[in-house]
PDB file of N, CA and C in Angstrom:
ATOM      1  N   MET A   1     248.762 113.319  38.955  1.00  0.00           N
ATOM      2  CA  MET A   1     248.212 113.656  40.190  1.00  0.00           C
ATOM      3  C   MET A   1     247.033 114.202  40.136  1.00  0.00           C
ATOM      4  N   ALA A   2     246.427 115.579  38.998  1.00  0.00           N
ATOM      5  CA  ALA A   2     245.299 116.197  38.984  1.00  0.00           C
ATOM      6  C   ALA A   2     244.323 115.017  38.710  1.00  0.00           C
ATOM      7  N   GLU A   3     244.828 114.454  38.026  1.00  0.00           N
ATOM      8  CA  GLU A   3     243.675 112.973  37.810  1.00  0.00           C
ATOM      9  C   GLU A   3     243.330 112.157  38.739  1.00  0.00           C
ATOM     10  N   ALA A   4     244.385 112.009  39.967  1.00  0.00           N
ATOM     11  CA  ALA A   4     243.688 111.408  41.279  1.00  0.00           C
ATOM     12  C   ALA A   4     242.965 112.048  41.961  1.00  0.00           C
ATOM     13  N   ASP A   5     243.332 113.909  42.116  1.00  0.00           N
ATOM     14  CA  ASP A   5     242.430 114.474  42.834  1.00  0.00           C
ATOM     15  C   ASP A   5     241.409 114.401  41.893  1.00  0.00           C
ATOM     16  N   LEU A   6     240.735 114.651  41.146  1.00  0.00           N
ATOM     17  CA  LEU A   6     239.807 114.738  40.336  1.00  0.00           C
ATOM     18  C   LEU A   6     239.056 113.347  40.378  1.00  0.00           C
ATOM     19  N   LYS A   7     239.716 112.261  40.696  1.00  0.00           N
ATOM     20  CA  LYS A   7     238.833 110.789  41.094  1.00  0.00           C
ATOM     21  C   LYS A   7     238.425 110.846  42.360  1.00  0.00           C
ATOM     22  N   ARG A   8     239.144 111.605  43.481  1.00  0.00           N
ATOM     23  CA  ARG A   8     238.749 111.521  44.671  1.00  0.00           C
ATOM     24  C   ARG A   8     237.734 112.491  44.757  1.00  0.00           C
ATOM     25  N   GLU A   9     237.731 113.306  44.444  1.00  0.00           N
ATOM     26  CA  GLU A   9     236.651 114.889  44.071  1.00  0.00           C
ATOM     27  C   GLU A   9     235.218 114.134  43.879  1.00  0.00           C
ATOM     28  N   LEU A  10     235.805 113.269  42.521  1.00  0.00           N
ATOM     29  CA  LEU A  10     234.240 112.259  42.207  1.00  0.00           C
ATOM     30  C   LEU A  10     233.676 111.303  42.734  1.00  0.00           C
ATOM     31  N   GLU A  11     234.448 110.988  43.459  1.00  0.00           N
ATOM     32  CA  GLU A  11     234.039 109.766  44.392  1.00  0.00           C
ATOM     33  C   GLU A  11     233.613 110.496  45.696  1.00  0.00           C
ATOM     34  N   LYS A  12     234.090 111.404  46.219  1.00  0.00           N
ATOM     35  CA  LYS A  12     233.608 112.102  47.226  1.00  0.00           C
ATOM     36  C   LYS A  12     232.084 113.059  47.094  1.00  0.00           C
ATOM     37  N   LEU A  13     232.007 113.126  45.913  1.00  0.00           N
ATOM     38  CA  LEU A  13     230.604 113.913  45.455  1.00  0.00           C
ATOM     39  C   LEU A  13     229.615 112.537  44.916  1.00  0.00           C
ATOM     40  N   ARG A  14     230.246 111.159  44.734  1.00  0.00           N
ATOM     41  CA  ARG A  14     229.418 110.623  44.671  1.00  0.00           C
ATOM     42  C   ARG A  14     228.688 110.155  46.087  1.00  0.00           C
ATOM     43  N   THR A  15     229.752 110.132  46.959  1.00  0.00           N
ATOM     44  CA  THR A  15     229.347 109.571  48.172  1.00  0.00           C
ATOM     45  C   THR A  15     228.257 110.451  48.795  1.00  0.00           C
ATOM     46  N   ASP A  16     228.666 112.106  48.809  1.00  0.00           N
ATOM     47  CA  ASP A  16     227.370 113.214  49.164  1.00  0.00           C
ATOM     48  C   ASP A  16     226.365 112.836  48.334  1.00  0.00           C
ATOM     49  N   LEU A  17     226.200 112.543  47.246  1.00  0.00           N
ATOM     50  CA  LEU A  17     224.767 112.397  46.337  1.00  0.00           C
ATOM     51  C   LEU A  17     224.360 111.605  47.134  1.00  0.00           C
ATOM     52  N   ALA A  18     224.748 110.166  47.290  1.00  0.00           N
ATOM     53  CA  ALA A  18     224.149 108.800  47.732  1.00  0.00           C
ATOM     54  C   ALA A  18     223.522 109.489  49.005  1.00  0.00           C
ATOM     55  N   ALA A  19     224.668 110.148  50.149  1.00  0.00           N
ATOM     56  CA  ALA A  19     223.706 110.589  51.468  1.00  0.00           C
ATOM     57  C   ALA A  19     222.877 111.132  51.369  1.00  0.00           C
ATOM     58  N   LEU A  20     222.562 112.183  50.388  1.00  0.00           N
ATOM     59  CA  LEU A  20     221.534 113.378  50.184  1.00  0.00           C
ATOM     60  C   LEU A  20     220.585 112.729  49.566  1.00  0.00           C
ATOM     61  N   ARG A  21     220.904 111.511  48.757  1.00  0.00           N
ATOM     62  CA  ARG A  21     219.650 110.797  48.222  1.00  0.00           C
ATOM     63  C   ARG A  21     218.398 109.792  49.464  1.00  0.00           C
ATOM     64  N   GLY A  22     219.387 109.416  50.043  1.00  0.00           N
ATOM     65  CA  GLY A  22     219.166 108.866  51.050  1.00  0.00           C
ATOM     66  C   GLY A  22     218.549 109.751  52.789  1.00  0.00           C
ATOM     67  N   ASP A  23     218.862 110.660  52.539  1.00  0.00           N
ATOM     68  CA  ASP A  23     218.232 111.881  53.355  1.00  0.00           C
ATOM     69  C   ASP A  23     216.980 112.159  53.005  1.00  0.00           C
ATOM     70  N   PHE A  24     216.840 112.468  51.612  1.00  0.00           N
ATOM     71  CA  PHE A  24     215.835 113.006  50.850  1.00  0.00           C
ATOM     72  C   PHE A  24     214.579 112.371  50.896  1.00  0.00           C
ATOM     73  N   THR A  25     214.853 110.760  50.588  1.00  0.00           N
ATOM     74  CA  THR A  25     214.089 109.660  51.014  1.00  0.00           C
ATOM     75  C   THR A  25     213.628 109.743  52.012  1.00  0.00           C
ATOM     76  N   SER A  26     214.154 109.774  53.255  1.00  0.00           N
ATOM     77  CA  SER A  26     213.793 109.915  54.737  1.00  0.00           C
ATOM     78  C   SER A  26     213.041 110.837  55.047  1.00  0.00           C
ATOM     79  N   MET A  27     213.292 111.807  54.200  1.00  0.00           N
ATOM     80  CA  MET A  27     212.179 113.221  54.767  1.00  0.00           C
ATOM     81  C   MET A  27     211.299 113.156  54.090  1.00  0.00           C
ATOM     82  N   SER A  28     211.249 112.647  52.886  1.00  0.00           N
ATOM     83  CA  SER A  28     209.802 112.243  52.090  1.00  0.00           C
ATOM     84  C   SER A  28     208.850 111.452  52.791  1.00  0.00           C
ATOM     85  N   ASP A  29     209.698 110.186  53.289  1.00  0.00           N
ATOM     86  CA  ASP A  29     208.623 109.059  53.967  1.00  0.00           C
ATOM     87  C   ASP A  29     208.209 110.182  55.316  1.00  0.00           C
ATOM     88  N   THR A  30     209.117 110.667  56.104  1.00  0.00           N
ATOM     89  CA  THR A  30     208.672 111.263  57.165  1.00  0.00           C
ATOM     90  C   THR A  30     207.261 112.300  56.988  1.00  0.00           C
ATOM     91  N   ALA A  31     207.690 113.523  55.817  1.00  0.00           N
ATOM     92  CA  ALA A  31     206.538 113.877  55.427  1.00  0.00           C
ATOM     93  C   ALA A  31     205.390 113.554  55.110  1.00  0.00           C
ATOM     94  N   ALA A  32     205.410 112.183  54.395  1.00  0.00           N
ATOM     95  CA  ALA A  32     203.836 111.465  54.127  1.00  0.00           C
ATOM     96  C   ALA A  32     203.603 111.189  55.269  1.00  0.00           C
ATOM     97  N   LYS A  33     204.056 110.488  56.366  1.00  0.00           N
ATOM     98  CA  LYS A  33     203.502 109.772  57.539  1.00  0.00           C
ATOM     99  C   LYS A  33     202.803 110.992  58.326  1.00  0.00           C
ATOM    100  N   THR A  34     203.746 112.044  58.401  1.00  0.00           N
ATOM    101  CA  THR A  34     203.058 113.043  59.028  1.00  0.00           C
ATOM    102  C   THR A  34     201.809 113.183  58.406  1.00  0.00           C
ATOM    103  N   SER A  35     202.000 113.812  56.905  1.00  0.00           N
ATOM    104  CA  SER A  35     200.688 114.198  56.379  1.00  0.00           C
ATOM    105  C   SER A  35     199.549 113.229  56.372  1.00  0.00           C
ATOM    106  N   LYS A  36     199.881 112.125  56.458  1.00  0.00           N
ATOM    107  CA  LYS A  36     198.781 111.267  56.852  1.00  0.00           C
ATOM    108  C   LYS A  36     198.237 111.194  58.404  1.00  0.00           C
ATOM    109  N   GLU A  37     198.928 111.393  59.197  1.00  0.00           N
ATOM    110  CA  GLU A  37     198.693 111.546  60.332  1.00  0.00           C
ATOM    111  C   GLU A  37     197.965 112.279  61.087  1.00  0.00           C
ATOM    112  N   THR A  38     198.224 113.823  59.989  1.00  0.00           N
ATOM    113  CA  THR A  38     197.659 115.360  60.243  1.00  0.00           C
ATOM    114  C   THR A  38     195.865 114.973  59.674  1.00  0.00           C
ATOM    115  N   THR A  39     196.359 114.285  58.249  1.00  0.00           N
ATOM    116  CA  THR A  39     194.972 114.480  57.757  1.00  0.00           C
ATOM    117  C   THR A  39     193.692 113.356  58.740  1.00  0.00           C
ATOM    118  N   LYS A  40     194.292 112.501  58.894  1.00  0.00           N
ATOM    119  CA  LYS A  40     193.351 111.567  60.087  1.00  0.00           C
ATOM    120  C   LYS A  40     192.663 112.111  61.321  1.00  0.00           C
ATOM    121  N   GLU A  41     193.944 113.112  61.543  1.00  0.00           N
ATOM    122  CA  GLU A  41     193.441 113.874  62.987  1.00  0.00           C
ATOM    123  C   GLU A  41     192.634 114.779  62.315  1.00  0.00           C
ATOM    124  N   ILE A  42     192.515 115.481  61.461  1.00  0.00           N
ATOM    125  CA  ILE A  42     191.917 116.520  60.972  1.00  0.00           C
ATOM    126  C   ILE A  42     190.362 116.006  60.724  1.00  0.00           C
ATOM    127  N   LEU A  43     190.323 115.057  59.785  1.00  0.00           N
ATOM    128  CA  LEU A  43     188.765 113.855  59.748  1.00  0.00           C
ATOM    129  C   LEU A  43     188.471 113.528  60.894  1.00  0.00           C
ATOM    130  N   ASP A  44     189.321 113.184  62.257  1.00  0.00           N
ATOM    131  CA  ASP A  44     188.684 112.684  63.245  1.00  0.00           C
ATOM    132  C   ASP A  44     187.999 114.123  63.952  1.00  0.00           C
ATOM    133  N   ALA A  45     189.083 114.922  64.140  1.00  0.00           N
ATOM    134  CA  ALA A  45     188.225 116.124  64.497  1.00  0.00           C
ATOM    135  C   ALA A  45     186.754 116.812  63.630  1.00  0.00           C
ATOM    136  N   ALA A  46     186.641 116.658  62.500  1.00  0.00           N
ATOM    137  CA  ALA A  46     185.666 117.193  62.137  1.00  0.00           C
ATOM    138  C   ALA A  46     184.518 116.231  62.276  1.00  0.00           C
ATOM    139  N   LYS A  47     184.708 115.073  62.078  1.00  0.00           N
ATOM    140  CA  LYS A  47     183.851 113.831  62.855  1.00  0.00           C
ATOM    141  C   LYS A  47     183.376 114.338  63.951  1.00  0.00           C
ATOM    142  N   GLU A  48     183.905 114.675  64.974  1.00  0.00           N
ATOM    143  CA  GLU A  48     183.566 115.126  66.391  1.00  0.00           C
ATOM    144  C   GLU A  48     182.784 115.948  66.454  1.00  0.00           C
ATOM    145  N   ALA A  49     182.988 117.275  65.523  1.00  0.00           N
ATOM    146  CA  ALA A  49     182.881 118.568  65.549  1.00  0.00           C
ATOM    147  C   ALA A  49     181.029 118.557  64.974  1.00  0.00           C
ATOM    148  N   THR A  50     181.205 117.414  63.679  1.00  0.00           N
ATOM    149  CA  THR A  50     179.682 117.114  63.267  1.00  0.00           C
ATOM    150  C   THR A  50     179.077 116.520  63.942  1.00  0.00           C
ATOM    151  N   ALA A  51     179.087 115.297  65.291  1.00  0.00           N
ATOM    152  CA  ALA A  51     178.459 115.011  65.892  1.00  0.00           C
ATOM    153  C   ALA A  51     178.055 115.754  66.731  1.00  0.00           C
ATOM    154  N   THR A  52     178.752 116.542  67.497  1.00  0.00           N
ATOM    155  CA  THR A  52     178.645 117.384  68.668  1.00  0.00           C
ATOM    156  C   THR A  52     177.447 118.647  67.888  1.00  0.00           C
ATOM    157  N   ALA A  53     177.586 119.212  66.704  1.00  0.00           N
ATOM    158  CA  ALA A  53     176.401 119.880  66.101  1.00  0.00           C
ATOM    159  C   ALA A  53     175.365 119.109  65.781  1.00  0.00           C
ATOM    160  N   LYS A  54     175.292 118.023  65.766  1.00  0.00           N
ATOM    161  CA  LYS A  54     174.112 117.195  65.100  1.00  0.00           C
ATOM    162  C   LYS A  54     173.307 117.481  66.600  1.00  0.00           C
ATOM    163  N   ALA A  55     174.130 116.798  67.809  1.00  0.00           N
ATOM    164  CA  ALA A  55     173.311 116.327  68.812  1.00  0.00           C
ATOM    165  C   ALA A  55     172.806 117.797  69.542  1.00  0.00           C
ATOM    166  N   LYS A  56     173.463 118.988  69.561  1.00  0.00           N
ATOM    167  CA  LYS A  56     173.323 120.078  69.757  1.00  0.00           C
ATOM    168  C   LYS A  56     171.720 120.812  68.999  1.00  0.00           C
ATOM    169  N   LEU A  57     172.098 120.488  67.722  1.00  0.00           N
ATOM    170  CA  LEU A  57     171.065 121.006  66.878  1.00  0.00           C
ATOM    171  C   LEU A  57     169.287 119.874  67.208  1.00  0.00           C
ATOM    172  N   LYS A  58     169.724 118.583  67.533  1.00  0.00           N
ATOM    173  CA  LYS A  58     168.810 117.565  67.826  1.00  0.00           C
ATOM    174  C   LYS A  58     168.149 118.213  69.083  1.00  0.00           C
ATOM    175  N   GLU A  59     169.051 118.657  70.323  1.00  0.00           N
ATOM    176  CA  GLU A  59     168.561 119.107  71.486  1.00  0.00           C
ATOM    177  C   GLU A  59     167.731 120.332  71.297  1.00  0.00           C
ATOM    178  N   GLU A  60     168.020 121.405  70.520  1.00  0.00           N
ATOM    179  CA  GLU A  60     167.696 122.356  70.404  1.00  0.00           C
ATOM    180  C   GLU A  60     166.250 122.344  69.659  1.00  0.00           C
ATOM    181  N   ALA A  61     166.298 121.515  68.944  1.00  0.00           N
ATOM    182  CA  ALA A  61     164.950 120.893  68.187  1.00  0.00           C
ATOM    183  C   ALA A  61     163.699 120.384  68.861  1.00  0.00           C
ATOM    184  N   GLU A  62     164.143 119.520  69.996  1.00  0.00           N
ATOM    185  CA  GLU A  62     163.501 119.378  70.912  1.00  0.00           C
ATOM    186  C   GLU A  62     162.505 120.130  71.998  1.00  0.00           C
ATOM    187  N   MET A  63     163.601 120.837  72.277  1.00  0.00           N
ATOM    188  CA  MET A  63     163.589 122.039  73.253  1.00  0.00           C
ATOM    189  C   MET A  63     161.946 123.171  72.700  1.00  0.00           C
ATOM    190  N   LEU A  64     162.660 123.329  71.045  1.00  0.00           N
ATOM    191  CA  LEU A  64     161.706 124.228  70.526  1.00  0.00           C
ATOM    192  C   LEU A  64     160.678 123.682  70.358  1.00  0.00           C
ATOM    193  N   ILE A  65     160.690 122.167  69.744  1.00  0.00           N
ATOM    194  CA  ILE A  65     158.935 121.395  69.795  1.00  0.00           C
ATOM    195  C   ILE A  65     158.313 121.498  71.248  1.00  0.00           C
ATOM    196  N   ASP A  66     159.134 121.277  72.584  1.00  0.00           N
ATOM    197  CA  ASP A  66     158.256 121.367  73.699  1.00  0.00           C
ATOM    198  C   ASP A  66     157.559 122.779  73.675  1.00  0.00           C
ATOM    199  N   LYS A  67     158.526 123.871  73.560  1.00  0.00           N
ATOM    200  CA  LYS A  67     157.711 125.191  73.649  1.00  0.00           C
ATOM    201  C   LYS A  67     156.745 125.584  72.751  1.00  0.00           C
ATOM    202  N   VAL A  68     156.794 124.909  71.530  1.00  0.00           N
ATOM    203  CA  VAL A  68     155.249 125.086  70.627  1.00  0.00           C
ATOM    204  C   VAL A  68     154.073 124.205  71.528  1.00  0.00           C
ATOM    205  N   ARG A  69     154.221 122.967  71.794  1.00  0.00           N
ATOM    206  CA  ARG A  69     153.369 122.174  72.417  1.00  0.00           C
ATOM    207  C   ARG A  69     152.976 123.321  73.528  1.00  0.00           C
ATOM    208  N   SER A  70     154.070 123.262  74.418  1.00  0.00           N
ATOM    209  CA  SER A  70     153.510 123.936  75.758  1.00  0.00           C
ATOM    210  C   SER A  70     152.607 125.120  75.547  1.00  0.00           C
ATOM    211  N   GLY A  71     153.025 126.550  74.090  1.00  0.00           N
ATOM    212  CA  GLY A  71     152.559 127.614  73.530  1.00  0.00           C
ATOM    213  C   GLY A  71     150.784 127.101  73.078  1.00  0.00           C
ATOM    214  N   THR A  72     150.882 126.125  72.830  1.00  0.00           N
ATOM    215  CA  THR A  72     149.496 125.628  71.738  1.00  0.00           C
ATOM    216  C   THR A  72     148.412 125.110  72.637  1.00  0.00           C
ATOM    217  N   HIS A  73     149.226 124.690  74.195  1.00  0.00           N
ATOM    218  CA  HIS A  73     148.177 124.373  74.942  1.00  0.00           C
ATOM    219  C   HIS A  73     147.591 125.680  76.013  1.00  0.00           C
ATOM    220  N   ASP A  74     148.722 126.499  76.009  1.00  0.00           N
ATOM    221  CA  ASP A  74     148.010 127.500  76.778  1.00  0.00           C
ATOM    222  C   ASP A  74     147.500 128.795  75.822  1.00  0.00           C
ATOM    223  N   VAL A  75     147.471 128.342  74.627  1.00  0.00           N
ATOM    224  CA  VAL A  75     146.700 129.230  73.601  1.00  0.00           C
ATOM    225  C   VAL A  75     145.489 128.592  73.503  1.00  0.00           C
ATOM    226  N   ALA A  76     145.193 127.249  73.429  1.00  0.00           N
ATOM    227  CA  ALA A  76     143.886 126.485  73.780  1.00  0.00           C
ATOM    228  C   ALA A  76     143.514 127.101  74.881  1.00  0.00           C
ATOM    229  N   ASP A  77     143.766 127.125  75.848  1.00  0.00           N
ATOM    230  CA  ASP A  77     143.307 127.213  77.418  1.00  0.00           C
ATOM    231  C   ASP A  77     142.707 128.756  76.929  1.00  0.00           C
ATOM    232  N   THR A  78     143.625 129.663  76.932  1.00  0.00           N
ATOM    233  CA  THR A  78     143.219 131.207  76.777  1.00  0.00           C
ATOM    234  C   THR A  78     141.971 130.900  75.946  1.00  0.00           C
ATOM    235  N   VAL A  79     141.993 130.625  74.560  1.00  0.00           N
ATOM    236  CA  VAL A  79     140.893 130.743  73.725  1.00  0.00           C
ATOM    237  C   VAL A  79     139.295 130.017  74.784  1.00  0.00           C
ATOM    238  N   LYS A  80     139.789 129.030  75.203  1.00  0.00           N
ATOM    239  CA  LYS A  80     138.847 128.102  75.857  1.00  0.00           C
ATOM    240  C   LYS A  80     137.929 129.004  77.079  1.00  0.00           C
ATOM    241  N   GLN A  81     139.040 129.666  77.486  1.00  0.00           N
ATOM    242  CA  GLN A  81     138.436 130.740  78.988  1.00  0.00           C
ATOM    243  C   GLN A  81     137.715 131.662  78.169  1.00  0.00           C
ATOM    244  N   SER A  82     138.240 132.467  77.090  1.00  0.00           N
ATOM    245  CA  SER A  82     137.588 133.425  76.820  1.00  0.00           C
ATOM    246  C   SER A  82     136.183 133.247  75.819  1.00  0.00           C
ATOM    247  N   GLY A  83     136.122 132.141  75.539  1.00  0.00           N
ATOM    248  CA  GLY A  83     135.006 131.582  75.015  1.00  0.00           C
ATOM    249  C   GLY A  83     133.830 131.549  76.121  1.00  0.00           C
ATOM    250  N   LYS A  84     134.468 130.793  76.806  1.00  0.00           N
ATOM    251  CA  LYS A  84     133.607 130.662  78.422  1.00  0.00           C
ATOM    252  C   LYS A  84     132.954 131.944  78.717  1.00  0.00           C
ATOM    253  N   ALA A  85     133.920 132.969  79.439  1.00  0.00           N
ATOM    254  CA  ALA A  85     133.341 134.205  79.206  1.00  0.00           C
ATOM    255  C   ALA A  85     132.604 134.949  78.524  1.00  0.00           C
ATOM    256  N   VAL A  86     132.794 134.886  76.660  1.00  0.00           N
ATOM    257  CA  VAL A  86     131.852 135.706  76.408  1.00  0.00           C
ATOM    258  C   VAL A  86     130.075 134.614  76.514  1.00  0.00           C
ATOM    259  N   VAL A  87     130.198 132.922  76.419  1.00  0.00           N
ATOM    260  CA  VAL A  87     129.005 132.687  76.883  1.00  0.00           C
ATOM    261  C   VAL A  87     128.455 133.120  77.608  1.00  0.00           C
ATOM    262  N   LYS A  88     129.204 132.860  78.953  1.00  0.00           N
ATOM    263  CA  LYS A  88     128.405 133.819  80.501  1.00  0.00           C
ATOM    264  C   LYS A  88     128.326 134.952  80.186  1.00  0.00           C
ATOM    265  N   GLY A  89     128.510 136.248  79.492  1.00  0.00           N
ATOM    266  CA  GLY A  89     128.343 137.263  79.136  1.00  0.00           C
ATOM    267  C   GLY A  89     127.019 137.421  78.351  1.00  0.00           C
ATOM    268  N   VAL A  90     126.866 136.640  77.438  1.00  0.00           N
ATOM    269  CA  VAL A  90     125.719 136.595  76.716  1.00  0.00           C
ATOM    270  C   VAL A  90     124.453 136.194  77.737  1.00  0.00           C
ATOM    271  N   GLU A  91     124.651 134.674  78.324  1.00  0.00           N
ATOM    272  CA  GLU A  91     123.823 134.387  79.455  1.00  0.00           C
ATOM    273  C   GLU A  91     122.963 135.411  80.441  1.00  0.00           C
ATOM    274  N   GLN A  92     124.362 136.064  80.702  1.00  0.00           N
ATOM    275  CA  GLN A  92     123.893 137.022  81.749  1.00  0.00           C
ATOM    276  C   GLN A  92     122.970 138.320  81.301  1.00  0.00           C
ATOM    277  N   GLN A  93     123.548 138.615  79.932  1.00  0.00           N
ATOM    278  CA  GLN A  93     122.649 139.802  79.010  1.00  0.00           C
ATOM    279  C   GLN A  93     121.208 139.380  78.492  1.00  0.00           C
ATOM    280  N   VAL A  94     121.061 137.907  78.434  1.00  0.00           N
ATOM    281  CA  VAL A  94     119.854 137.461  78.497  1.00  0.00           C
ATOM    282  C   VAL A  94     119.081 137.288  79.508  1.00  0.00           C
ATOM    283  N   GLU A  95     119.651 137.287  80.898  1.00  0.00           N
ATOM    284  CA  GLU A  95     118.665 136.593  81.894  1.00  0.00           C
ATOM    285  C   GLU A  95     118.348 138.220  82.233  1.00  0.00           C
ATOM    286  N   GLU A  96     119.399 139.364  82.052  1.00  0.00           N
ATOM    287  CA  GLU A  96     119.236 140.443  82.570  1.00  0.00           C
ATOM    288  C   GLU A  96     118.130 141.414  81.480  1.00  0.00           C
ATOM    289  N   LYS A  97     118.507 141.055  80.275  1.00  0.00           N
ATOM    290  CA  LYS A  97     117.268 141.895  79.303  1.00  0.00           C
ATOM    291  C   LYS A  97     116.541 140.800  78.326  1.00  0.00           C
ATOM    292  N   PRO A  98     116.006 139.927  78.706  1.00  0.00           N
ATOM    293  CA  PRO A  98     115.287 139.195  77.542  1.00  0.00           C
ATOM    294  C   PRO A  98     114.813 139.318  76.268  1.00  0.00           C
ATOM    295  N   MET A  99     114.046 140.744  76.843  1.00  0.00           N
ATOM    296  CA  MET A  99     113.186 141.216  75.213  1.00  0.00           C
ATOM    297  C   MET A  99     114.257 141.595  74.556  1.00  0.00           C
ATOM    298  N   THR A 100     115.371 142.186  75.030  1.00  0.00           N
ATOM    299  CA  THR A 100     116.589 142.567  73.940  1.00  0.00           C
ATOM    300  C   THR A 100     117.170 142.199  73.187  1.00  0.00           C
ATOM    301  N   ALA A 101     117.513 140.685  74.140  1.00  0.00           N
ATOM    302  CA  ALA A 101     118.149 139.765  73.293  1.00  0.00           C
ATOM    303  C   ALA A 101     116.983 138.957  72.751  1.00  0.00           C
ATOM    304  N   VAL A 102     116.248 138.749  72.761  1.00  0.00           N
ATOM    305  CA  VAL A 102     115.114 138.068  71.739  1.00  0.00           C
ATOM    306  C   VAL A 102     115.155 139.471  70.549  1.00  0.00           C
ATOM    307  N   LEU A 103     114.521 140.505  70.532  1.00  0.00           N
ATOM    308  CA  LEU A 103     114.690 141.440  69.413  1.00  0.00           C
ATOM    309  C   LEU A 103     116.133 141.714  69.014  1.00  0.00           C
ATOM    310  N   THR A 104     117.185 140.980  69.412  1.00  0.00           N
ATOM    311  CA  THR A 104     118.442 141.350  68.787  1.00  0.00           C
ATOM    312  C   THR A 104     118.751 140.105  68.100  1.00  0.00           C
ATOM    313  N   ALA A 105     118.329 139.034  68.502  1.00  0.00           N
ATOM    314  CA  ALA A 105     118.519 137.785  67.523  1.00  0.00           C
ATOM    315  C   ALA A 105     117.502 137.631  66.395  1.00  0.00           C
ATOM    316  N   LEU A 106     116.417 138.309  66.510  1.00  0.00           N
ATOM    317  CA  LEU A 106     115.329 138.630  65.450  1.00  0.00           C
ATOM    318  C   LEU A 106     115.732 139.545  64.252  1.00  0.00           C
ATOM    319  N   GLY A 107     116.657 140.292  65.082  1.00  0.00           N
ATOM    320  CA  GLY A 107     117.297 141.428  63.760  1.00  0.00           C
ATOM    321  C   GLY A 107     118.180 140.899  63.167  1.00  0.00           C
ATOM    322  N   ILE A 108     119.090 140.305  63.939  1.00  0.00           N
ATOM    323  CA  ILE A 108     120.398 139.542  63.181  1.00  0.00           C
ATOM    324  C   ILE A 108     119.820 138.475  62.228  1.00  0.00           C
ATOM    325  N   GLY A 109     118.842 137.308  62.331  1.00  0.00           N
ATOM    326  CA  GLY A 109     118.306 136.595  61.808  1.00  0.00           C
ATOM    327  C   GLY A 109     117.885 137.278  60.004  1.00  0.00           C
ATOM    328  N   PHE A 110     116.970 138.344  60.520  1.00  0.00           N
ATOM    329  CA  PHE A 110     116.533 138.587  59.369  1.00  0.00           C
ATOM    330  C   PHE A 110     117.400 139.393  58.630  1.00  0.00           C
ATOM    331  N   ALA A 111     118.243 140.060  59.246  1.00  0.00           N
ATOM    332  CA  ALA A 111     119.577 140.497  58.137  1.00  0.00           C
ATOM    333  C   ALA A 111     120.410 139.315  57.472  1.00  0.00           C
ATOM    334  N   VAL A 112     120.598 138.470  58.202  1.00  0.00           N
ATOM    335  CA  VAL A 112     120.972 137.463  57.898  1.00  0.00           C
ATOM    336  C   VAL A 112     120.566 136.491  56.385  1.00  0.00           C
ATOM    337  N   GLY A 113     119.270 136.405  56.807  1.00  0.00           N
ATOM    338  CA  GLY A 113     118.078 136.184  55.783  1.00  0.00           C
ATOM    339  C   GLY A 113     118.054 136.825  54.558  1.00  0.00           C
ATOM    340  N   TRP A 114     118.263 138.381  54.484  1.00  0.00           N
ATOM    341  CA  TRP A 114     117.833 138.976  53.468  1.00  0.00           C
ATOM    342  C   TRP A 114     119.126 139.145  52.955  1.00  0.00           C
ATOM    343  N   LEU A 115     120.275 139.244  53.581  1.00  0.00           N
ATOM    344  CA  LEU A 115     121.737 139.133  52.856  1.00  0.00           C
ATOM    345  C   LEU A 115     121.960 137.674  51.918  1.00  0.00           C
ATOM    346  N   LEU A 116     121.163 136.735  52.525  1.00  0.00           N
ATOM    347  CA  LEU A 116     121.332 135.191  52.083  1.00  0.00           C
ATOM    348  C   LEU A 116     120.294 135.223  50.611  1.00  0.00           C
ATOM    349  N   ASN A 117     119.302 135.828  50.651  1.00  0.00           N
ATOM    350  CA  ASN A 117     118.364 135.842  49.933  1.00  0.00           C
ATOM    351  C   ASN A 117     118.754 136.472  48.752  1.00  0.00           C
ATOM    352  N   ARG A 118     119.603 138.074  48.986  1.00  0.00           N
ATOM    353  CA  ARG A 118     120.258 138.604  48.080  1.00  0.00           C
ATOM    354  C   ARG A 118     120.641 137.774  47.006  1.00  0.00           C
ATOM    355  N   ARG A 119     122.174 137.149  47.774  1.00  0.00           N
ATOM    356  CA  ARG A 119     122.724 136.577  46.879  1.00  0.00           C
ATOM    357  C   ARG A 119     122.428 135.823  45.982  1.00  0.00           C
ATOM    358  N   SER A 120     121.199 134.776  46.482  1.00  0.00           N
ATOM    359  CA  SER A 120     120.778 133.795  45.597  1.00  0.00           C
ATOM    360  C   SER A 120     120.100 134.338  44.283  1.00  0.00           C
ATOM    361  N   ALA A 121     119.731 135.370  44.172  1.00  0.00           N
ATOM    362  CA  ALA A 121     118.843 135.811  43.444  1.00  0.00           C
ATOM    363  C   ALA A 121     119.747 136.729  42.330  1.00  0.00           C
TER     364      ALA A 121
END
C-alpha cells in the first residue's frame, strides 16, 4: 500500500512537472515574442525621432543661411552707403576749400613717398 501511494505520488509529480514544462515553454515563447515586438517598436520610434531631428536641423540650418545672406546684403548696403557718404564729404570739402584739399593731398603724397623711400633704403 505504501508502494502504491508512492507510485501515485510519483505519477502525480511527473504530470505536474510536464504541465510546468509546458507552462514554462509557453511563457518563454510569449516573452520572446513580446521582446521582439518591443524591440521593433523601440527601433521604429528611434528611426522616427532621428528623422524628425534631421528635418528640424535642416530647417534651422536653412533659416540660419537665409539670415546670414540677409545680413551680408545689409552689411554690403551699409558699407556702400557709408562709402558714398565719405566720397560726398570729400567732394564737398574739395569744392569748399580747394587749396586746402590740394595742399593736404600734396602733404600725404610727400609723407607716403618719404616712408616708402625710407623702407627701400
